[in-house]
C-alpha atoms as a PDB file:
ATOM      1  CA  MET A   1      21.668  12.964 -47.101  1.00  0.00           C
ATOM      2  CA  ALA A   2      18.563  11.648 -45.338  1.00  0.00           C
ATOM      3  CA  THR A   3      16.756   8.660 -46.809  1.00  0.00           C
ATOM      4  CA  SER A   4      12.997   8.104 -46.603  1.00  0.00           C
ATOM      5  CA  LEU A   5      10.948   4.972 -47.221  1.00  0.00           C
ATOM      6  CA  THR A   6       8.034   4.795 -49.652  1.00  0.00           C
ATOM      7  CA  SER A   7       5.010   3.945 -47.511  1.00  0.00           C
ATOM      8  CA  ARG A   8       1.237   4.241 -47.256  1.00  0.00           C
ATOM      9  CA  SER A   9      -0.657   4.762 -43.999  1.00  0.00           C
ATOM     10  CA  PHE A  10      -4.312   4.071 -43.274  1.00  0.00           C
ATOM     11  CA  HIS A  11      -6.118   5.367 -40.208  1.00  0.00           C
ATOM     12  CA  GLY A  12      -8.999   3.966 -38.187  1.00  0.00           C
ATOM     13  CA  HIS A  13     -12.015   5.754 -36.794  1.00  0.00           C
ATOM     14  CA  ARG A  14     -10.441   6.183 -33.379  1.00  0.00           C
ATOM     15  CA  ASP A  15      -7.067   6.096 -31.666  1.00  0.00           C
ATOM     16  CA  GLY A  16      -5.362   2.758 -31.237  1.00  0.00           C
ATOM     17  CA  PRO A  17      -2.171   0.821 -32.010  1.00  0.00           C
ATOM     18  CA  ARG A  18       0.200   2.066 -34.688  1.00  0.00           C
ATOM     19  CA  LEU A  19       1.199  -1.031 -36.677  1.00  0.00           C
ATOM     20  CA  LEU A  20       4.139  -1.042 -39.103  1.00  0.00           C
ATOM     21  CA  VAL A  21       4.411  -3.754 -41.792  1.00  0.00           C
ATOM     22  CA  THR A  22       7.517  -3.988 -43.988  1.00  0.00           C
ATOM     23  CA  GLY A  23       8.649  -6.076 -46.941  1.00  0.00           C
ATOM     24  CA  GLY A  24      11.657  -6.006 -49.211  1.00  0.00           C
ATOM     25  CA  VAL A  25      14.305  -5.617 -46.519  1.00  0.00           C
ATOM     26  CA  HIS A  26      16.139  -8.013 -48.812  1.00  0.00           C
ATOM     27  CA  GLY A  27      15.812  -7.405 -52.523  1.00  0.00           C
ATOM     28  CA  ASP A  28      15.205 -11.021 -53.566  1.00  0.00           C
ATOM     29  CA  GLU A  29      12.138 -11.714 -51.404  1.00  0.00           C
ATOM     30  CA  PHE A  30       8.938 -11.255 -53.392  1.00  0.00           C
ATOM     31  CA  GLU A  31       5.877 -12.576 -51.524  1.00  0.00           C
ATOM     32  CA  PRO A  32       6.108  -9.788 -48.917  1.00  0.00           C
ATOM     33  CA  ILE A  33       6.114  -7.104 -51.622  1.00  0.00           C
ATOM     34  CA  LEU A  34       3.066  -8.539 -53.384  1.00  0.00           C
ATOM     35  CA  ALA A  35       1.164  -9.114 -50.139  1.00  0.00           C
ATOM     36  CA  ILE A  36       1.759  -5.542 -48.965  1.00  0.00           C
ATOM     37  CA  ARG A  37       0.709  -4.129 -52.362  1.00  0.00           C
ATOM     38  CA  ARG A  38      -2.469  -6.193 -52.009  1.00  0.00           C
ATOM     39  CA  LEU A  39      -3.032  -4.766 -48.520  1.00  0.00           C
ATOM     40  CA  ILE A  40      -2.610  -1.239 -49.889  1.00  0.00           C
ATOM     41  CA  ARG A  41      -5.245  -1.944 -52.545  1.00  0.00           C
ATOM     42  CA  PHE A  42      -7.514  -3.517 -49.940  1.00  0.00           C
ATOM     43  CA  PHE A  43      -7.422  -0.518 -47.626  1.00  0.00           C
ATOM     44  CA  SER A  44      -7.554   1.951 -50.536  1.00  0.00           C
ATOM     45  CA  ASP A  45     -10.510   0.413 -52.373  1.00  0.00           C
ATOM     46  CA  ASP A  46     -12.727  -0.527 -49.451  1.00  0.00           C
ATOM     47  CA  GLU A  47     -15.636   1.916 -49.476  1.00  0.00           C
ATOM     48  CA  GLU A  48     -16.176   1.376 -45.778  1.00  0.00           C
ATOM     49  CA  ASN A  49     -12.888   1.700 -43.928  1.00  0.00           C
ATOM     50  CA  PRO A  50     -12.439  -1.652 -42.105  1.00  0.00           C
ATOM     51  CA  ILE A  51      -9.946  -0.207 -39.620  1.00  0.00           C
ATOM     52  CA  LEU A  52     -11.779   0.465 -36.376  1.00  0.00           C
ATOM     53  CA  SER A  53      -8.859   1.891 -34.422  1.00  0.00           C
ATOM     54  CA  GLY A  54      -5.226   2.823 -34.828  1.00  0.00           C
ATOM     55  CA  ARG A  55      -3.090   3.214 -37.916  1.00  0.00           C
ATOM     56  CA  VAL A  56      -1.346   0.743 -40.208  1.00  0.00           C
ATOM     57  CA  THR A  57       1.739   1.846 -42.158  1.00  0.00           C
ATOM     58  CA  LEU A  58       2.714  -0.362 -45.090  1.00  0.00           C
ATOM     59  CA  VAL A  59       6.169  -0.347 -46.712  1.00  0.00           C
ATOM     60  CA  PRO A  60       6.279  -2.751 -49.700  1.00  0.00           C
ATOM     61  CA  VAL A  61      10.005  -2.395 -50.474  1.00  0.00           C
ATOM     62  CA  VAL A  62      12.364  -1.129 -47.788  1.00  0.00           C
ATOM     63  CA  ASN A  63      15.568  -1.824 -49.734  1.00  0.00           C
ATOM     64  CA  GLU A  64      14.747  -0.507 -53.206  1.00  0.00           C
ATOM     65  CA  ALA A  65      18.345  -0.599 -54.441  1.00  0.00           C
ATOM     66  CA  ALA A  66      18.657  -4.303 -53.564  1.00  0.00           C
ATOM     67  CA  PHE A  67      15.301  -5.045 -55.218  1.00  0.00           C
ATOM     68  CA  LEU A  68      16.371  -3.366 -58.451  1.00  0.00           C
ATOM     69  CA  ARG A  69      19.519  -5.530 -58.420  1.00  0.00           C
ATOM     70  CA  GLY A  70      17.458  -8.654 -57.699  1.00  0.00           C
ATOM     71  CA  HIS A  71      19.818  -9.519 -54.854  1.00  0.00           C
ATOM     72  CA  ARG A  72      19.676  -9.840 -51.086  1.00  0.00           C
ATOM     73  CA  CYS A  73      21.840  -6.732 -50.650  1.00  0.00           C
ATOM     74  CA  ALA A  74      22.345  -3.460 -52.474  1.00  0.00           C
ATOM     75  CA  GLY A  75      25.474  -3.221 -54.574  1.00  0.00           C
ATOM     76  CA  GLU A  76      26.921   0.115 -53.523  1.00  0.00           C
ATOM     77  CA  ASP A  77      28.312  -1.002 -50.181  1.00  0.00           C
ATOM     78  CA  GLY A  78      27.551  -4.746 -50.095  1.00  0.00           C
ATOM     79  CA  LEU A  79      25.989  -4.512 -46.638  1.00  0.00           C
ATOM     80  CA  ASP A  80      23.105  -6.709 -45.504  1.00  0.00           C
ATOM     81  CA  LEU A  81      20.360  -4.359 -44.337  1.00  0.00           C
ATOM     82  CA  ALA A  82      19.217  -6.952 -41.796  1.00  0.00           C
ATOM     83  CA  ARG A  83      22.656  -6.795 -40.155  1.00  0.00           C
ATOM     84  CA  THR A  84      23.093  -3.003 -40.351  1.00  0.00           C
ATOM     85  CA  CYS A  85      20.311  -1.581 -38.155  1.00  0.00           C
ATOM     86  CA  PRO A  86      19.969   0.941 -36.588  1.00  0.00           C
ATOM     87  CA  GLY A  87      22.160   2.445 -39.300  1.00  0.00           C
ATOM     88  CA  ARG A  88      23.383   6.011 -39.693  1.00  0.00           C
ATOM     89  CA  ALA A  89      21.754   9.027 -41.343  1.00  0.00           C
ATOM     90  CA  ASP A  90      25.179  10.109 -42.679  1.00  0.00           C
ATOM     91  CA  GLY A  91      26.442   6.627 -43.530  1.00  0.00           C
ATOM     92  CA  SER A  92      26.663   4.441 -46.631  1.00  0.00           C
ATOM     93  CA  PRO A  93      23.522   3.816 -48.735  1.00  0.00           C
ATOM     94  CA  THR A  94      22.497   0.719 -46.765  1.00  0.00           C
ATOM     95  CA  GLU A  95      23.237   2.432 -43.456  1.00  0.00           C
ATOM     96  CA  ARG A  96      20.959   5.320 -44.466  1.00  0.00           C
ATOM     97  CA  VAL A  97      18.136   2.948 -45.367  1.00  0.00           C
ATOM     98  CA  ALA A  98      18.647   1.143 -42.049  1.00  0.00           C
ATOM     99  CA  CYS A  99      18.374   4.478 -40.253  1.00  0.00           C
ATOM    100  CA  ALA A 100      15.123   5.323 -42.082  1.00  0.00           C
ATOM    101  CA  LEU A 101      13.711   1.882 -41.234  1.00  0.00           C
ATOM    102  CA  SER A 102      14.697   2.307 -37.583  1.00  0.00           C
ATOM    103  CA  GLU A 103      12.912   5.668 -37.465  1.00  0.00           C
ATOM    104  CA  GLU A 104       9.739   4.058 -38.820  1.00  0.00           C
ATOM    105  CA  ILE A 105       9.969   1.303 -36.195  1.00  0.00           C
ATOM    106  CA  HIS A 106      10.310   3.903 -33.429  1.00  0.00           C
ATOM    107  CA  ARG A 107       7.071   5.539 -34.611  1.00  0.00           C
ATOM    108  CA  ALA A 108       5.170   2.248 -34.250  1.00  0.00           C
ATOM    109  CA  ASP A 109       3.519   0.437 -31.339  1.00  0.00           C
ATOM    110  CA  ALA A 110       3.797  -2.977 -33.051  1.00  0.00           C
ATOM    111  CA  TYR A 111       5.802  -4.263 -35.997  1.00  0.00           C
ATOM    112  CA  ILE A 112       5.633  -7.084 -38.588  1.00  0.00           C
ATOM    113  CA  ASP A 113       8.638  -7.717 -40.871  1.00  0.00           C
ATOM    114  CA  LEU A 114       7.873 -10.060 -43.797  1.00  0.00           C
ATOM    115  CA  HIS A 115      10.630 -12.185 -45.382  1.00  0.00           C
ATOM    116  CA  THR A 116      11.300 -15.319 -47.460  1.00  0.00           C
ATOM    117  CA  GLY A 117      14.349 -17.478 -48.128  1.00  0.00           C
ATOM    118  CA  GLY A 118      15.274 -15.314 -51.133  1.00  0.00           C
ATOM    119  CA  THR A 119      17.005 -16.766 -54.161  1.00  0.00           C
ATOM    120  CA  GLU A 120      19.116 -19.360 -52.322  1.00  0.00           C
ATOM    121  CA  LEU A 121      16.995 -20.791 -49.503  1.00  0.00           C
ATOM    122  CA  SER A 122      13.508 -22.144 -48.894  1.00  0.00           C
ATOM    123  CA  VAL A 123      11.924 -21.653 -45.472  1.00  0.00           C
ATOM    124  CA  PHE A 124       9.038 -23.653 -44.066  1.00  0.00           C
ATOM    125  CA  PRO A 125       6.261 -21.119 -43.315  1.00  0.00           C
ATOM    126  CA  LEU A 126       6.815 -19.630 -39.863  1.00  0.00           C
ATOM    127  CA  THR A 127       6.478 -16.593 -37.673  1.00  0.00           C
ATOM    128  CA  GLY A 128       9.233 -15.667 -35.248  1.00  0.00           C
ATOM    129  CA  TYR A 129      10.019 -13.308 -32.422  1.00  0.00           C
ATOM    130  CA  SER A 130      12.829 -12.464 -30.015  1.00  0.00           C
ATOM    131  CA  LEU A 131      12.690 -13.833 -26.478  1.00  0.00           C
ATOM    132  CA  VAL A 132      12.940 -10.373 -24.944  1.00  0.00           C
ATOM    133  CA  ALA A 133      13.185  -9.809 -21.201  1.00  0.00           C
ATOM    134  CA  ASP A 134      10.103  -7.599 -20.904  1.00  0.00           C
ATOM    135  CA  PRO A 135       7.229 -10.011 -20.081  1.00  0.00           C
ATOM    136  CA  VAL A 136       4.510  -7.723 -21.463  1.00  0.00           C
ATOM    137  CA  VAL A 137       6.294  -7.255 -24.786  1.00  0.00           C
ATOM    138  CA  LEU A 138       7.108 -10.978 -24.987  1.00  0.00           C
ATOM    139  CA  GLU A 139       3.510 -12.024 -24.386  1.00  0.00           C
ATOM    140  CA  THR A 140       2.276  -9.546 -27.008  1.00  0.00           C
ATOM    141  CA  GLN A 141       4.758 -10.987 -29.507  1.00  0.00           C
ATOM    142  CA  ARG A 142       3.580 -14.522 -28.748  1.00  0.00           C
ATOM    143  CA  HIS A 143       0.000 -13.382 -29.285  1.00  0.00           C
ATOM    144  CA  MET A 144       0.852 -11.713 -32.606  1.00  0.00           C
ATOM    145  CA  ALA A 145       2.920 -14.652 -33.886  1.00  0.00           C
ATOM    146  CA  ARG A 146       0.222 -17.207 -33.127  1.00  0.00           C
ATOM    147  CA  ALA A 147      -2.500 -14.959 -34.558  1.00  0.00           C
ATOM    148  CA  PHE A 148      -0.565 -14.621 -37.839  1.00  0.00           C
ATOM    149  CA  ASN A 149      -1.392 -18.317 -38.242  1.00  0.00           C
ATOM    150  CA  LEU A 150       1.503 -19.960 -40.075  1.00  0.00           C
ATOM    151  CA  PRO A 151       2.431 -23.589 -39.287  1.00  0.00           C
ATOM    152  CA  VAL A 152       5.480 -22.910 -37.091  1.00  0.00           C
ATOM    153  CA  VAL A 153       5.950 -20.320 -34.337  1.00  0.00           C
ATOM    154  CA  TRP A 154       9.582 -19.793 -33.328  1.00  0.00           C
ATOM    155  CA  GLY A 155      10.916 -17.759 -30.414  1.00  0.00           C
ATOM    156  CA  THR A 156      14.682 -17.228 -30.527  1.00  0.00           C
ATOM    157  CA  SER A 157      17.546 -15.418 -28.839  1.00  0.00           C
ATOM    158  CA  ALA A 158      17.065 -11.690 -28.301  1.00  0.00           C
ATOM    159  CA  ALA A 159      20.837 -11.129 -28.397  1.00  0.00           C
ATOM    160  CA  LEU A 160      21.153 -10.951 -32.196  1.00  0.00           C
ATOM    161  CA  GLU A 161      22.120  -7.454 -33.328  1.00  0.00           C
ATOM    162  CA  GLY A 162      21.783  -5.378 -36.479  1.00  0.00           C
ATOM    163  CA  ARG A 163      18.239  -6.467 -37.294  1.00  0.00           C
ATOM    164  CA  SER A 164      14.894  -4.748 -37.530  1.00  0.00           C
ATOM    165  CA  LEU A 165      13.750  -6.793 -34.520  1.00  0.00           C
ATOM    166  CA  SER A 166      16.757  -5.683 -32.477  1.00  0.00           C
ATOM    167  CA  VAL A 167      15.682  -2.070 -33.066  1.00  0.00           C
ATOM    168  CA  ALA A 168      12.189  -2.961 -31.852  1.00  0.00           C
ATOM    169  CA  ARG A 169      13.669  -4.867 -28.901  1.00  0.00           C
ATOM    170  CA  ASP A 170      15.685  -1.849 -27.762  1.00  0.00           C
ATOM    171  CA  ALA A 171      12.638   0.415 -28.103  1.00  0.00           C
ATOM    172  CA  GLY A 172      10.321  -1.955 -26.196  1.00  0.00           C
ATOM    173  CA  ILE A 173       8.088  -2.423 -29.270  1.00  0.00           C
ATOM    174  CA  PRO A 174       6.442  -5.836 -29.834  1.00  0.00           C
ATOM    175  CA  ALA A 175       7.690  -7.220 -33.146  1.00  0.00           C
ATOM    176  CA  ILE A 176       7.441 -10.419 -35.172  1.00  0.00           C
ATOM    177  CA  TYR A 177       8.805 -11.565 -38.510  1.00  0.00           C
ATOM    178  CA  ALA A 178       7.504 -14.116 -40.988  1.00  0.00           C
ATOM    179  CA  GLU A 179       9.154 -16.447 -43.512  1.00  0.00           C
ATOM    180  CA  TYR A 180       7.480 -18.272 -46.410  1.00  0.00           C
ATOM    181  CA  LEU A 181       9.457 -20.411 -48.883  1.00  0.00           C
ATOM    182  CA  GLY A 182      11.673 -18.508 -51.359  1.00  0.00           C
ATOM    183  CA  SER A 183      13.932 -20.103 -53.994  1.00  0.00           C
ATOM    184  CA  ALA A 184      13.631 -17.158 -56.412  1.00  0.00           C
ATOM    185  CA  ALA A 185       9.970 -17.890 -57.077  1.00  0.00           C
ATOM    186  CA  VAL A 186       6.616 -16.449 -56.018  1.00  0.00           C
ATOM    187  CA  SER A 187       4.227 -18.626 -54.040  1.00  0.00           C
ATOM    188  CA  GLU A 188       0.652 -17.413 -54.472  1.00  0.00           C
ATOM    189  CA  ALA A 189      -0.208 -19.338 -51.300  1.00  0.00           C
ATOM    190  CA  GLY A 190       2.517 -17.348 -49.551  1.00  0.00           C
ATOM    191  CA  VAL A 191       1.099 -14.047 -50.775  1.00  0.00           C
ATOM    192  CA  ASP A 192      -2.349 -15.115 -49.555  1.00  0.00           C
ATOM    193  CA  ALA A 193      -0.960 -16.249 -46.188  1.00  0.00           C
ATOM    194  CA  TYR A 194       0.845 -12.941 -45.672  1.00  0.00           C
ATOM    195  CA  PHE A 195      -2.199 -10.878 -46.635  1.00  0.00           C
ATOM    196  CA  GLU A 196      -4.420 -12.871 -44.289  1.00  0.00           C
ATOM    197  CA  GLY A 197      -1.749 -12.972 -41.575  1.00  0.00           C
ATOM    198  CA  VAL A 198      -1.457  -9.193 -41.337  1.00  0.00           C
ATOM    199  CA  LEU A 199      -5.238  -8.880 -41.084  1.00  0.00           C
ATOM    200  CA  ASN A 200      -5.248 -11.621 -38.416  1.00  0.00           C
ATOM    201  CA  VAL A 201      -2.735  -9.669 -36.338  1.00  0.00           C
ATOM    202  CA  MET A 202      -4.694  -6.463 -36.783  1.00  0.00           C
ATOM    203  CA  ALA A 203      -7.755  -8.283 -35.455  1.00  0.00           C
ATOM    204  CA  ALA A 204      -5.716  -9.641 -32.532  1.00  0.00           C
ATOM    205  CA  LEU A 205      -4.656  -6.052 -31.742  1.00  0.00           C
ATOM    206  CA  GLU A 206      -8.342  -4.996 -31.927  1.00  0.00           C
ATOM    207  CA  MET A 207      -7.680  -2.742 -34.915  1.00  0.00           C
ATOM    208  CA  LEU A 208     -10.389  -4.423 -36.990  1.00  0.00           C
ATOM    209  CA  ARG A 209     -12.949  -7.195 -36.770  1.00  0.00           C
ATOM    210  CA  ARG A 210     -12.747 -10.426 -38.711  1.00  0.00           C
ATOM    211  CA  PRO A 211     -13.684 -14.050 -38.019  1.00  0.00           C
ATOM    212  CA  THR A 212     -11.038 -16.136 -36.263  1.00  0.00           C
ATOM    213  CA  PRO A 213      -9.560 -18.455 -38.917  1.00  0.00           C
ATOM    214  CA  ALA A 214      -9.104 -22.185 -38.497  1.00  0.00           C
ATOM    215  CA  ASN A 215      -5.841 -22.884 -36.673  1.00  0.00           C
ATOM    216  CA  ARG A 216      -2.836 -23.712 -38.874  1.00  0.00           C
ATOM    217  CA  VAL A 217      -0.171 -23.765 -36.151  1.00  0.00           C
ATOM    218  CA  ILE A 218       1.343 -27.238 -35.765  1.00  0.00           C
ATOM    219  CA  GLN A 219       4.469 -26.493 -33.716  1.00  0.00           C
ATOM    220  CA  ILE A 220       5.689 -23.844 -31.268  1.00  0.00           C
ATOM    221  CA  VAL A 221       9.345 -23.747 -30.231  1.00  0.00           C
ATOM    222  CA  GLU A 222      11.156 -21.319 -27.956  1.00  0.00           C
ATOM    223  CA  ASP A 223      14.937 -21.594 -28.148  1.00  0.00           C
ATOM    224  CA  ASN A 224      16.968 -19.134 -26.101  1.00  0.00           C
ATOM    225  CA  ARG A 225      20.366 -20.626 -26.920  1.00  0.00           C
ATOM    226  CA  PRO A 226      22.993 -18.204 -28.249  1.00  0.00           C
ATOM    227  CA  GLU A 227      22.744 -17.704 -32.022  1.00  0.00           C
ATOM    228  CA  SER A 228      19.316 -19.383 -32.215  1.00  0.00           C
ATOM    229  CA  GLY A 229      17.464 -17.709 -35.053  1.00  0.00           C
ATOM    230  CA  HIS A 230      20.692 -16.973 -36.960  1.00  0.00           C
ATOM    231  CA  MET A 231      19.916 -19.036 -40.056  1.00  0.00           C
ATOM    232  CA  GLN A 232      23.146 -18.219 -41.876  1.00  0.00           C
ATOM    233  CA  VAL A 233      25.414 -20.106 -39.444  1.00  0.00           C
ATOM    234  CA  CYS A 234      23.615 -23.467 -39.184  1.00  0.00           C
ATOM    235  CA  HIS A 235      24.898 -26.661 -40.783  1.00  0.00           C
ATOM    236  CA  PRO A 236      27.720 -25.066 -42.821  1.00  0.00           C
ATOM    237  CA  ALA A 237      28.932 -26.612 -46.045  1.00  0.00           C
ATOM    238  CA  PRO A 238      32.305 -28.312 -45.424  1.00  0.00           C
ATOM    239  CA  ILE A 239      33.729 -27.504 -48.886  1.00  0.00           C
ATOM    240  CA  ASP A 240      32.974 -25.504 -52.027  1.00  0.00           C
ATOM    241  CA  GLY A 241      30.751 -27.404 -54.433  1.00  0.00           C
ATOM    242  CA  LEU A 242      27.188 -28.439 -55.213  1.00  0.00           C
ATOM    243  CA  PHE A 243      24.676 -29.215 -52.455  1.00  0.00           C
ATOM    244  CA  GLU A 244      22.206 -32.051 -52.964  1.00  0.00           C
ATOM    245  CA  THR A 245      19.412 -33.042 -50.579  1.00  0.00           C
ATOM    246  CA  PRO A 246      16.549 -35.546 -50.724  1.00  0.00           C
ATOM    247  CA  PHE A 247      14.497 -33.459 -48.278  1.00  0.00           C
ATOM    248  CA  ALA A 248      12.025 -30.587 -48.461  1.00  0.00           C
ATOM    249  CA  PRO A 249      11.301 -27.892 -45.885  1.00  0.00           C
ATOM    250  CA  GLY A 250       9.028 -29.324 -43.202  1.00  0.00           C
ATOM    251  CA  ASP A 251      10.486 -32.841 -43.327  1.00  0.00           C
ATOM    252  CA  THR A 252      11.823 -34.336 -40.104  1.00  0.00           C
ATOM    253  CA  VAL A 253      15.307 -35.761 -39.551  1.00  0.00           C
ATOM    254  CA  GLU A 254      17.165 -37.561 -36.774  1.00  0.00           C
ATOM    255  CA  LYS A 255      20.400 -36.374 -35.205  1.00  0.00           C
ATOM    256  CA  GLY A 256      23.358 -37.716 -37.168  1.00  0.00           C
ATOM    257  CA  GLN A 257      21.312 -38.349 -40.306  1.00  0.00           C
ATOM    258  CA  PRO A 258      22.666 -36.739 -43.509  1.00  0.00           C
ATOM    259  CA  VAL A 259      20.508 -33.775 -44.529  1.00  0.00           C
ATOM    260  CA  GLY A 260      22.381 -33.688 -47.824  1.00  0.00           C
ATOM    261  CA  ARG A 261      25.840 -33.803 -49.325  1.00  0.00           C
ATOM    262  CA  VAL A 262      28.280 -31.409 -50.967  1.00  0.00           C
ATOM    263  CA  LEU A 263      30.008 -32.586 -54.148  1.00  0.00           C
ATOM    264  CA  ASP A 264      33.221 -30.954 -55.276  1.00  0.00           C
ATOM    265  CA  LEU A 265      33.728 -30.102 -58.952  1.00  0.00           C
ATOM    266  CA  THR A 266      36.488 -32.628 -59.636  1.00  0.00           C
ATOM    267  CA  GLY A 267      34.539 -35.757 -58.764  1.00  0.00           C
ATOM    268  CA  GLU A 268      37.146 -36.612 -56.139  1.00  0.00           C
ATOM    269  CA  ASP A 269      35.419 -35.408 -52.974  1.00  0.00           C
ATOM    270  CA  GLU A 270      31.935 -35.799 -51.513  1.00  0.00           C
ATOM    271  CA  ARG A 271      31.025 -34.704 -47.981  1.00  0.00           C
ATOM    272  CA  PRO A 272      27.799 -35.395 -46.052  1.00  0.00           C
ATOM    273  CA  VAL A 273      26.243 -32.687 -43.897  1.00  0.00           C
ATOM    274  CA  LEU A 274      24.940 -34.386 -40.759  1.00  0.00           C
ATOM    275  CA  ALA A 275      21.934 -33.240 -38.737  1.00  0.00           C
ATOM    276  CA  GLU A 276      23.172 -31.715 -35.480  1.00  0.00           C
ATOM    277  CA  GLU A 277      19.863 -32.449 -33.715  1.00  0.00           C
ATOM    278  CA  SER A 278      16.555 -34.198 -34.321  1.00  0.00           C
ATOM    279  CA  GLY A 279      13.634 -32.149 -35.525  1.00  0.00           C
ATOM    280  CA  ARG A 280      11.892 -30.396 -38.383  1.00  0.00           C
ATOM    281  CA  LEU A 281      13.876 -28.950 -41.291  1.00  0.00           C
ATOM    282  CA  ILE A 282      12.682 -25.357 -41.450  1.00  0.00           C
ATOM    283  CA  VAL A 283      15.351 -24.052 -43.844  1.00  0.00           C
ATOM    284  CA  LEU A 284      17.008 -25.792 -46.792  1.00  0.00           C
ATOM    285  CA  ARG A 285      19.400 -24.451 -49.385  1.00  0.00           C
ATOM    286  CA  THR A 286      17.849 -24.751 -52.842  1.00  0.00           C
ATOM    287  CA  PHE A 287      20.518 -22.872 -54.826  1.00  0.00           C
ATOM    288  CA  PRO A 288      22.972 -25.749 -55.341  1.00  0.00           C
ATOM    289  CA  ARG A 289      26.272 -23.862 -55.566  1.00  0.00           C
ATOM    290  CA  VAL A 290      27.776 -23.463 -52.111  1.00  0.00           C
ATOM    291  CA  ARG A 291      30.971 -22.053 -50.707  1.00  0.00           C
ATOM    292  CA  ALA A 292      32.568 -23.615 -47.650  1.00  0.00           C
ATOM    293  CA  GLY A 293      30.784 -22.217 -44.591  1.00  0.00           C
ATOM    294  CA  ASP A 294      27.475 -21.439 -46.309  1.00  0.00           C
ATOM    295  CA  SER A 295      24.478 -22.653 -44.325  1.00  0.00           C
ATOM    296  CA  VAL A 296      22.597 -25.486 -46.014  1.00  0.00           C
ATOM    297  CA  ALA A 297      19.933 -26.310 -43.394  1.00  0.00           C
ATOM    298  CA  VAL A 298      18.276 -25.204 -40.162  1.00  0.00           C
ATOM    299  CA  ILE A 299      16.572 -27.704 -37.849  1.00  0.00           C
ATOM    300  CA  LEU A 300      13.871 -26.859 -35.329  1.00  0.00           C
ATOM    301  CA  PRO A 301      14.686 -29.099 -32.344  1.00  0.00           C
ATOM    302  CA  ASP A 302      11.855 -31.377 -31.219  1.00  0.00           C
ATOM    303  CA  GLU A 303      13.015 -31.281 -27.613  1.00  0.00           C
ATOM    304  CA  LEU A 304      12.196 -27.571 -27.323  1.00  0.00           C
ATOM    305  CA  SER A 305       8.632 -27.813 -28.639  1.00  0.00           C
ATOM    306  CA  LEU A 306       5.940 -26.323 -26.395  1.00  0.00           C
ATOM    307  CA  PRO A 307       2.442 -27.703 -25.843  1.00  0.00           C
ATOM    308  CA  LEU A 308      -0.035 -26.268 -28.320  1.00  0.00           C
ATOM    309  CA  PRO A 309      -2.800 -24.125 -26.823  1.00  0.00           C
ATOM    310  CA  TYR A 310      -5.263 -25.404 -29.428  1.00  0.00           C
ATOM    311  CA  PRO A 311      -5.892 -28.584 -31.441  1.00  0.00           C
ATOM    312  CA  VAL A 312      -3.476 -29.488 -34.240  1.00  0.00           C
ATOM    313  CA  PRO A 313      -5.260 -29.208 -37.613  1.00  0.00           C
ATOM    314  CA  ASP A 314      -5.991 -32.414 -39.515  1.00  0.00           C
END
């Protein structure tokens, strides 16, 4: 049985780029949903259509079953939608949703996928993209990510599979994703940043006109090492237990410094988790219960930072 996504599309006055914006790929990520609902209201209520060219398609909740559960994944098959693309039209529930998402991506000329750290992680605000081989697509992604205007811009390995961006990669479609905090809460600043960020990208793609905002980008990193961008494998917990950390997302650490510790439940064991490189903490686990192997932190390595093309904000 075919699955379709609930979406709204808004057209400009002339032909131009077809932009797709999605939220709710994971069911426990809320800022994207609220920002996209706000964009729908913005384009619906504006008496004078602000879109000069092209079409924007907005999908507030891709993974409705996972959202209704309040979990990262839907319950029927336990699959992570962001590891299941391109999916199958005749597959399990998550595979069918992945197939519908992939079809939407193939109908687009550019793509933005909005995320957060969900209920267990907090992510320092960033936009990311895959370091694809096509130089035109790569440069467009860089342009989109910087225009979105979050503090960190992160280019990572294009070899990761199963994701919305891997579908876009294979189709030659410029695509970026964004992350903004998480921890099972809603950041109003995150909703605002996502709303403004989508409009910033639309302006960068010449779909509408708006003033260029003050720069918020403070760091750009491109890391083409294998598994870069795979947040769930970094700094694994050594044992089951409770994770404690004195840090917050955005703090800096030195290689070998403890980013936190895992305490077992008997009081007999306590293990530090040591920073594998020096740099900025862009992901931290905020849900204290961990199982051995769960990622507790991701560090953006200082040594891979690129020169900024504009002044760092005060």
